[in-house]
Structures are given as structure tokens and as C-alpha cells.
Amino acid sequence: MHTSQTTSPELPEEVWEKILGYLGRRKFLVSVMTTSRSLYNVAKRLQYSDLALNFLLGQIYTGSTARPNDCLETLAICTSASSPARAVRHLAISEISYGSVPALLTRALASTAGLKSLDIRVSQDVLDGEPLFLSTDPLITSSTFLPELSALYTNDTRVVLALAPRRPLSSIALPVKMDATAYHAITDSLCQSTAKITQLCFYLEVEDIEAASQSLGAIARTFPNVAQLCLQFRLANVTPVTWVMLEHTIHQIGPSLVRLNALNVLSLVYFPEPVDKAARYETETRRLANLIVGSVPQLRRVELRWHGWTISGGRWSPVDQNHLLRQPQKWLYTESRERSLLSREVII
């Protein structure tokens, strides 16, 4: 008896990436990699394209940092065109501490020539000690070291100073308190980027609320192409901030915000925050947010203090406080780019 055998049509690799991205766990990709050469290549890209390593959680839950270390070692030792390191596009590393990790990290990054974004958060012993990267290191300054890096999040200002010059950075998140000296060093470094800054997150220590307004004006002049701006100001002068002072400040910064033609997301926080015995926090914050949108009508998201709204077609929808951009783990770049379920799996 004659039987006919049909085969399913070949799917484009980008379609397979979408499908396999729903697996949710990297271990399931191992079986996929054994089925065919084409699926092997797709699965390998998915394995390494979006990595999140956490050294602290590894120590807490497994008593070891072997898995994050092994992952970095794999990236560092494989340098061929088909190596896993060439597939890495987004890399997040948390709680880096001293030991063998800094040198290993540099070697791993040297192999990830296609890396687009780097989220690197160091432990206190690194913040108190020698920097992870030296701006005088020939490897760091080489044109082949992270040549496509466009987004950087870090809690260490020295990482920005080392990596910003001569790279196409457009998104910077540095949510650590900076004084005037550190701020000027960072802005000088960012001005050496080969791309225009469009996303910016800073936490600045200033003398008073007038100085905060001046700082915002300077940022608007220095980075006129910024589209998403998140600023937190710590006022050294402990005079309580009132609603009247905030309203005056918003009127002051209006011309600076108007200068930012591309601005569509704005988050502003001032410490210390107003204390309102009448508990009018949401009402007053919404009123002040309306003043901001009056100056910048193209805003589609505005956050002030502990309240935020997305704006579409004149309708204001509240943002959950846990999702506000002032939260220390939030990075608008990560939230706005497409991510598979695999990218949410943290290697510990």
C-alpha cells in the first residue's frame, strides 16, 4: 500500500524564536537543541541572548555562586564567531563582589561584542574598594570592547565613567546619590558617548529646591534629546518642602521641560517630601502633575512623589506604586523592550 508522507513547512527563525521563547525555562531548550541544526542555532541564541545572573541569591539559596561564575566563564573562554558570547544582547548581573569575579567579568564582556544593554549592580565591598573597570585599561578603551552598548544601569558611578566614552549609549540609569562633583564627572563622560542620550535616570544631592531647579535646567541644556527623564533630588537643606514650594518649582522648571521636545515620560521626586496633616497627598500631587502636563502636553506618563499616571487620549490612568520609576529596581529601558519568558529566569 502506498502511503504519502507530508512535512510541515519550514518556519523562519524569528518565528521559532517567538515560539521557543514561551518555554519559560532554559533547561527545556536543551532537548530542542538536539532536534536539528537550525533549531540548535535558534535555541542557542535564546539560551544566551538575555541573561540575568545573581551572585547573592546563588549564595543564599544554593550556598555557592558556581552557576553565575560558570556562565561568565563560558562567555569568557569561547571567542569564536559561533560562541555563546556572540549571542548575548542583554546582560544583568547583581551583587558582584570581590574575588575572581571582576577579572572574569571583564574577560566575559570582552567576548560579548553584540551586547546592547548592561545592568550591573555591585555589592558594598566593591563600592568601597577598587573600581571594576579602569578607564585607563587598554582593553576597556579598545574600540572592540562593547562596541554596540547602548543602555547601561549601574549603582556604581565609576562604571559609567569607564564605559560611557566612545560608545553609542542612549539610555543611562544611575540611581545612586551624586554630589555636584560626581554629577559633573558623569555628564562630561556621557557627552563623550557617540549617540544622543534619550533615557536618563539620576539621583542628585543638591543644597535646596532652587538648586534642584537649576540642575534640571542644566540637564535639559546638556541632553536636549532626552525622551524619558527620571530625577530624584535629595535636598541638603532640611527645611520642610511644602505644596506651595513644589508648585513654585514646577513653574520654574516649566521652560526647561518645554525645551525637551521629545520628552514623553517624566518622573520627579524631592526629598524630604511634603508632610500634609490633611492627607491631601494624591489630590495635591494630581494638581501639580496637571501643571506639568500643561507645560509639556506630549507627556504620556508623569510621576510625582508617590503617584503616577499614564496619559492617553486625555484619559489619566494611575500607575501602581510598586511600578513607579522611583522604585530602585525599575529601569524603563528593560520595561519598554520586548522580552521572552526565558529572560525572566535568574541564574543563581
Protein backbone atom coordinates (compact mmCIF):
# COMPACT_ATOMS: atom_id res chain seq x y z
CA MET A 1 0.00 0.00 0.00
CA HIS A 2 1.34 3.35 -0.95
CA THR A 3 1.49 5.94 1.80
CA SER A 4 2.40 9.54 1.36
CA GLN A 5 4.38 11.43 3.96
CA THR A 6 3.92 15.15 4.41
CA THR A 7 6.27 17.50 6.15
CA SER A 8 5.40 20.72 7.85
CA PRO A 9 6.71 23.82 6.12
CA GLU A 10 9.91 25.44 7.34
CA LEU A 11 9.31 28.41 9.62
CA PRO A 12 11.53 31.50 9.66
CA GLU A 13 13.98 31.51 12.57
CA GLU A 14 12.40 34.61 14.09
CA VAL A 15 9.09 32.72 14.31
CA TRP A 16 10.80 29.80 16.04
CA GLU A 17 12.38 32.27 18.48
CA LYS A 18 8.93 33.54 19.38
CA ILE A 19 7.58 30.02 19.85
CA LEU A 20 10.50 28.69 21.88
CA GLY A 21 10.58 31.84 23.97
CA TYR A 22 7.35 30.68 25.63
CA LEU A 23 9.05 27.61 27.12
CA GLY A 24 9.89 29.64 30.21
CA ARG A 25 12.88 27.59 31.39
CA ARG A 26 16.27 27.35 29.75
CA LYS A 27 16.62 23.66 30.60
CA PHE A 28 13.82 22.85 28.14
CA LEU A 29 15.90 24.29 25.31
CA VAL A 30 18.48 21.53 25.71
CA SER A 31 16.09 18.97 24.21
CA VAL A 32 15.22 21.34 21.39
CA MET A 33 18.90 21.76 20.53
CA THR A 34 19.18 18.04 19.70
CA THR A 35 16.44 18.02 17.05
CA SER A 36 18.06 19.85 14.15
CA ARG A 37 20.87 22.20 13.25
CA SER A 38 18.54 25.11 12.54
CA LEU A 39 16.72 24.72 15.87
CA TYR A 40 20.07 24.29 17.62
CA ASN A 41 21.10 27.75 16.44
CA VAL A 42 17.78 29.27 17.46
CA ALA A 43 17.84 27.61 20.89
CA LYS A 44 21.44 28.68 21.49
CA ARG A 45 20.57 32.30 20.80
CA LEU A 46 17.66 32.08 23.21
CA GLN A 47 19.85 30.48 25.86
CA TYR A 48 22.27 33.39 25.90
CA SER A 49 20.63 36.43 24.32
CA ASP A 50 19.08 37.74 27.56
CA LEU A 51 20.91 36.71 30.74
CA ALA A 52 20.31 37.61 34.39
CA LEU A 53 22.86 36.46 36.99
CA ASN A 54 22.53 37.00 40.74
CA PHE A 55 25.52 36.14 42.91
CA LEU A 56 23.83 36.94 46.23
CA LEU A 57 20.79 34.73 45.60
CA GLY A 58 23.13 31.97 44.46
CA GLN A 59 24.96 32.18 47.78
CA ILE A 60 21.72 32.29 49.80
CA TYR A 61 19.77 29.51 48.09
CA THR A 62 22.49 27.16 46.92
CA GLY A 63 25.38 28.07 49.20
CA SER A 64 27.51 28.74 46.12
CA THR A 65 27.99 31.16 43.24
CA ALA A 66 29.07 28.36 40.92
CA ARG A 67 26.31 28.77 38.33
CA PRO A 68 26.76 32.53 37.74
CA ASN A 69 30.52 32.00 37.70
CA ASP A 70 30.22 29.13 35.25
CA CYS A 71 28.07 31.25 32.97
CA LEU A 72 30.64 34.06 32.92
CA GLU A 73 33.41 31.52 32.39
CA THR A 74 31.56 30.10 29.38
CA LEU A 75 31.30 33.57 27.88
CA ALA A 76 34.94 34.34 28.62
CA ILE A 77 36.56 31.22 27.16
CA CYS A 78 34.52 30.96 23.95
CA THR A 79 35.67 33.60 21.50
CA SER A 80 34.83 32.11 18.10
CA ALA A 81 32.20 33.64 15.81
CA SER A 82 29.74 30.89 16.76
CA SER A 83 30.39 31.07 20.51
CA PRO A 84 27.57 31.69 23.03
CA ALA A 85 29.11 35.06 23.93
CA ARG A 86 28.32 36.38 20.46
CA ALA A 87 24.62 35.67 21.08
CA VAL A 88 24.38 37.82 24.25
CA ARG A 89 22.39 41.01 23.72
CA HIS A 90 21.25 41.89 27.25
CA LEU A 91 23.13 41.08 30.45
CA ALA A 92 22.06 41.80 34.05
CA ILE A 93 24.42 40.96 36.92
CA SER A 94 23.54 41.58 40.56
CA GLU A 95 25.64 41.68 43.72
CA ILE A 96 29.09 41.43 42.20
CA SER A 97 31.70 41.28 44.94
CA TYR A 98 35.45 40.96 45.03
CA GLY A 99 37.32 37.75 44.40
CA SER A 100 37.69 36.26 40.96
CA VAL A 101 34.54 37.86 39.56
CA PRO A 102 35.82 41.32 38.43
CA ALA A 103 38.62 39.92 36.24
CA LEU A 104 36.33 37.18 34.94
CA LEU A 105 33.63 39.74 34.19
CA THR A 106 35.98 41.86 32.11
CA ARG A 107 37.05 38.83 30.06
CA ALA A 108 33.42 37.79 29.56
CA LEU A 109 32.37 41.26 28.43
CA ALA A 110 35.29 41.38 26.02
CA SER A 111 33.70 38.43 24.19
CA THR A 112 30.17 39.87 24.04
CA ALA A 113 30.71 42.13 21.06
CA GLY A 114 26.97 42.32 20.29
CA LEU A 115 25.87 43.36 23.80
CA LYS A 116 23.16 46.06 23.70
CA SER A 117 22.37 46.58 27.38
CA LEU A 118 24.26 46.02 30.63
CA ASP A 119 22.64 46.10 34.08
CA ILE A 120 25.43 45.79 36.62
CA ARG A 121 24.87 46.18 40.37
CA VAL A 122 27.81 45.77 42.70
CA SER A 123 27.98 44.96 46.39
CA GLN A 124 29.13 47.38 49.07
CA ASP A 125 32.67 45.99 49.20
CA VAL A 126 33.13 46.93 45.54
CA LEU A 127 31.66 50.40 46.10
CA ASP A 128 34.11 50.90 48.95
CA GLY A 129 37.10 49.46 47.09
CA GLU A 130 38.78 49.48 43.72
CA PRO A 131 36.62 50.04 40.61
CA LEU A 132 35.54 47.12 38.44
CA PHE A 133 36.81 48.83 35.30
CA LEU A 134 39.65 51.27 34.84
CA SER A 135 39.24 53.96 32.21
CA THR A 136 43.00 53.67 31.60
CA ASP A 137 42.82 49.93 30.85
CA PRO A 138 43.68 49.43 27.14
CA LEU A 139 41.09 46.64 26.91
CA ILE A 140 38.31 48.86 28.28
CA THR A 141 39.21 51.74 25.96
CA SER A 142 39.53 49.48 22.93
CA SER A 143 37.04 50.05 20.10
CA THR A 144 36.29 46.31 20.16
CA PHE A 145 35.16 46.30 23.82
CA LEU A 146 31.34 46.57 23.98
CA PRO A 147 31.15 48.47 20.68
CA GLU A 148 27.33 48.25 20.49
CA LEU A 149 26.48 49.04 24.11
CA SER A 150 23.52 51.42 24.06
CA ALA A 151 21.97 51.06 27.54
CA LEU A 152 23.61 50.98 30.99
CA TYR A 153 22.17 50.64 34.51
CA THR A 154 24.51 50.61 37.48
CA ASN A 155 24.80 51.61 41.12
CA ASP A 156 28.49 52.50 40.70
CA THR A 157 29.32 55.85 39.11
CA ARG A 158 32.79 54.59 38.18
CA VAL A 159 31.27 52.05 35.79
CA VAL A 160 29.69 54.91 33.80
CA LEU A 161 32.93 56.88 33.81
CA ALA A 162 34.77 53.89 32.33
CA LEU A 163 32.19 52.70 29.80
CA ALA A 164 30.39 55.80 28.53
CA PRO A 165 33.09 57.39 26.35
CA ARG A 166 33.19 56.34 22.69
CA ARG A 167 30.19 54.00 22.95
CA PRO A 168 26.70 54.54 21.49
CA LEU A 169 24.98 54.92 24.86
CA SER A 170 21.48 56.37 24.69
CA SER A 171 19.97 55.04 27.95
CA ILE A 172 21.61 55.67 31.34
CA ALA A 173 20.22 54.80 34.77
CA LEU A 174 22.37 55.76 37.75
CA PRO A 175 20.02 55.78 40.76
CA VAL A 176 22.73 56.43 43.35
CA LYS A 177 23.13 59.71 45.20
CA MET A 178 25.59 62.03 43.46
CA ASP A 179 27.02 65.32 44.67
CA ALA A 180 27.95 68.14 42.27
CA THR A 181 31.46 66.79 41.66
CA ALA A 182 30.24 63.32 40.73
CA TYR A 183 27.42 64.78 38.61
CA HIS A 184 29.76 66.92 36.52
CA ALA A 185 32.15 64.00 36.01
CA ILE A 186 29.26 61.79 34.84
CA THR A 187 27.82 64.37 32.45
CA ASP A 188 31.27 65.02 30.97
CA SER A 189 31.62 61.28 30.42
CA LEU A 190 28.17 60.96 28.84
CA CYS A 191 28.91 63.83 26.49
CA GLN A 192 31.63 61.58 25.03
CA SER A 193 29.05 58.97 24.02
CA THR A 194 28.73 58.55 20.26
CA ALA A 195 24.90 58.58 20.47
CA LYS A 196 22.30 61.02 21.78
CA ILE A 197 21.03 60.39 25.31
CA THR A 198 17.29 59.68 25.16
CA GLN A 199 16.71 57.95 28.54
CA LEU A 200 18.18 59.35 31.74
CA CYS A 201 17.80 58.44 35.42
CA PHE A 202 19.75 60.43 38.06
CA TYR A 203 19.66 60.82 41.85
CA LEU A 204 21.23 64.17 42.77
CA GLU A 205 22.19 65.72 46.10
CA VAL A 206 21.62 69.49 45.98
CA GLU A 207 21.56 72.31 48.52
CA ASP A 208 17.89 73.26 48.24
CA ILE A 209 14.88 73.17 45.95
CA GLU A 210 16.15 76.20 43.99
CA ALA A 211 19.36 74.30 43.24
CA ALA A 212 17.25 71.32 42.11
CA SER A 213 15.52 73.55 39.56
CA GLN A 214 18.88 74.80 38.32
CA SER A 215 20.14 71.22 37.99
CA LEU A 216 17.10 70.21 35.94
CA GLY A 217 17.70 73.21 33.68
CA ALA A 218 21.34 72.19 33.20
CA ILE A 219 20.28 68.62 32.35
CA ALA A 220 17.79 69.91 29.77
CA ARG A 221 20.53 72.00 28.13
CA THR A 222 23.10 69.19 28.20
CA PHE A 223 20.77 66.43 26.99
CA PRO A 224 18.20 68.14 24.74
CA ASN A 225 17.14 64.87 23.07
CA VAL A 226 16.04 63.11 26.26
CA ALA A 227 12.61 61.49 25.92
CA GLN A 228 12.34 59.69 29.27
CA LEU A 229 13.64 61.57 32.31
CA CYS A 230 13.65 60.27 35.89
CA LEU A 231 15.13 62.57 38.54
CA GLN A 232 15.34 62.30 42.29
CA PHE A 233 16.65 65.22 44.34
CA ARG A 234 17.94 64.96 47.90
CA LEU A 235 17.87 68.42 49.48
CA ALA A 236 20.70 69.06 51.94
CA ASN A 237 18.74 71.95 53.46
CA VAL A 238 16.25 70.19 55.74
CA THR A 239 13.62 72.93 55.53
CA PRO A 240 10.33 71.06 55.03
CA VAL A 241 9.10 71.03 51.43
CA THR A 242 5.55 72.33 51.11
CA TRP A 243 2.95 72.10 48.34
CA VAL A 244 3.44 75.82 47.69
CA MET A 245 7.19 75.30 47.23
CA LEU A 246 6.58 72.40 44.82
CA GLU A 247 4.11 74.46 42.81
CA HIS A 248 6.62 77.31 42.58
CA THR A 249 9.28 74.81 41.49
CA ILE A 250 7.07 73.38 38.76
CA HIS A 251 6.51 76.86 37.37
CA GLN A 252 10.28 77.41 37.49
CA ILE A 253 11.18 74.25 35.60
CA GLY A 254 8.42 74.66 33.01
CA PRO A 255 10.64 76.46 30.45
CA SER A 256 13.34 73.79 30.83
CA LEU A 257 10.83 70.99 30.25
CA VAL A 258 9.38 72.80 27.24
CA ARG A 259 12.88 72.78 25.72
CA LEU A 260 12.76 68.97 25.68
CA ASN A 261 10.71 68.47 22.53
CA ALA A 262 10.93 64.66 22.64
CA LEU A 263 10.02 64.32 26.34
CA ASN A 264 7.17 61.82 26.85
CA VAL A 265 7.95 60.30 30.28
CA LEU A 266 8.80 62.34 33.37
CA SER A 267 9.35 61.22 36.98
CA LEU A 268 10.24 63.77 39.67
CA VAL A 269 10.94 63.10 43.35
CA TYR A 270 12.11 65.53 46.04
CA PHE A 271 13.41 64.50 49.47
CA PRO A 272 12.29 65.32 52.09
CA GLU A 273 8.75 65.03 50.84
CA PRO A 274 5.83 67.22 51.99
CA VAL A 275 4.10 66.32 55.23
CA ASP A 276 0.39 67.04 54.92
CA LYS A 277 -1.67 66.77 58.09
CA ALA A 278 -4.82 66.89 55.98
CA ALA A 279 -3.56 63.87 53.98
CA ARG A 280 -4.25 65.50 50.62
CA TYR A 281 -1.34 63.70 49.02
CA GLU A 282 -2.99 62.25 45.94
CA THR A 283 -5.19 65.30 45.30
CA GLU A 284 -2.32 67.77 45.56
CA THR A 285 0.05 65.58 43.57
CA ARG A 286 -2.51 65.24 40.77
CA ARG A 287 -2.97 69.01 40.73
CA LEU A 288 0.79 69.55 40.41
CA ALA A 289 1.04 66.84 37.76
CA ASN A 290 -1.63 68.70 35.78
CA LEU A 291 0.56 71.80 35.86
CA ILE A 292 3.46 69.78 34.43
CA VAL A 293 1.33 68.33 31.63
CA GLY A 294 0.09 71.82 30.90
CA SER A 295 3.66 72.79 30.09
CA VAL A 296 4.52 69.52 28.35
CA PRO A 297 1.29 68.28 26.69
CA GLN A 298 3.06 65.46 24.82
CA LEU A 299 3.73 63.57 28.07
CA ARG A 300 2.25 60.07 28.08
CA ARG A 301 3.45 59.24 31.60
CA VAL A 302 4.03 61.57 34.54
CA GLU A 303 5.10 60.65 38.06
CA LEU A 304 5.48 62.97 41.03
CA ARG A 305 6.30 61.83 44.54
CA TRP A 306 4.44 58.53 45.21
CA HIS A 307 1.84 58.93 42.49
CA GLY A 308 1.97 58.46 38.74
CA TRP A 309 -0.32 58.32 35.74
CA THR A 310 -0.20 57.19 32.15
CA ILE A 311 -2.00 59.55 29.77
CA SER A 312 -3.72 58.52 26.57
CA GLY A 313 -6.35 60.48 24.67
CA GLY A 314 -6.80 62.81 27.63
CA ARG A 315 -7.51 59.90 29.98
CA TRP A 316 -5.33 59.55 33.09
CA SER A 317 -4.77 56.03 34.43
CA PRO A 318 -2.96 55.57 37.77
CA VAL A 319 0.34 53.70 37.95
CA ASP A 320 0.67 51.15 40.73
CA GLN A 321 3.12 52.42 43.35
CA ASN A 322 5.15 49.23 43.01
CA HIS A 323 5.70 50.07 39.34
CA LEU A 324 6.73 53.69 39.78
CA LEU A 325 10.04 54.57 38.17
CA ARG A 326 11.35 55.85 41.51
CA GLN A 327 11.46 52.25 42.74
CA PRO A 328 15.11 51.11 42.95
CA GLN A 329 14.67 48.02 40.76
CA LYS A 330 12.83 49.81 37.94
CA TRP A 331 14.53 50.58 34.66
CA LEU A 332 12.35 51.96 31.90
CA TYR A 333 14.64 50.52 29.21
CA THR A 334 14.01 46.95 30.41
CA GLU A 335 10.28 47.56 30.73
CA SER A 336 9.94 49.02 27.25
CA ARG A 337 11.86 46.41 25.27
CA GLU A 338 10.42 43.08 24.18
CA ARG A 339 11.36 40.21 26.50
CA SER A 340 10.68 36.48 26.34
CA LEU A 341 9.69 34.41 29.36
CA LEU A 342 13.19 32.93 29.33
CA SER A 343 14.71 36.34 30.02
CA ARG A 344 12.92 36.48 33.37
CA GLU A 345 14.69 33.37 34.66
CA VAL A 346 17.51 34.39 37.00
CA ILE A 347 20.62 32.20 37.11
CA ILE A 348 21.69 31.68 40.74
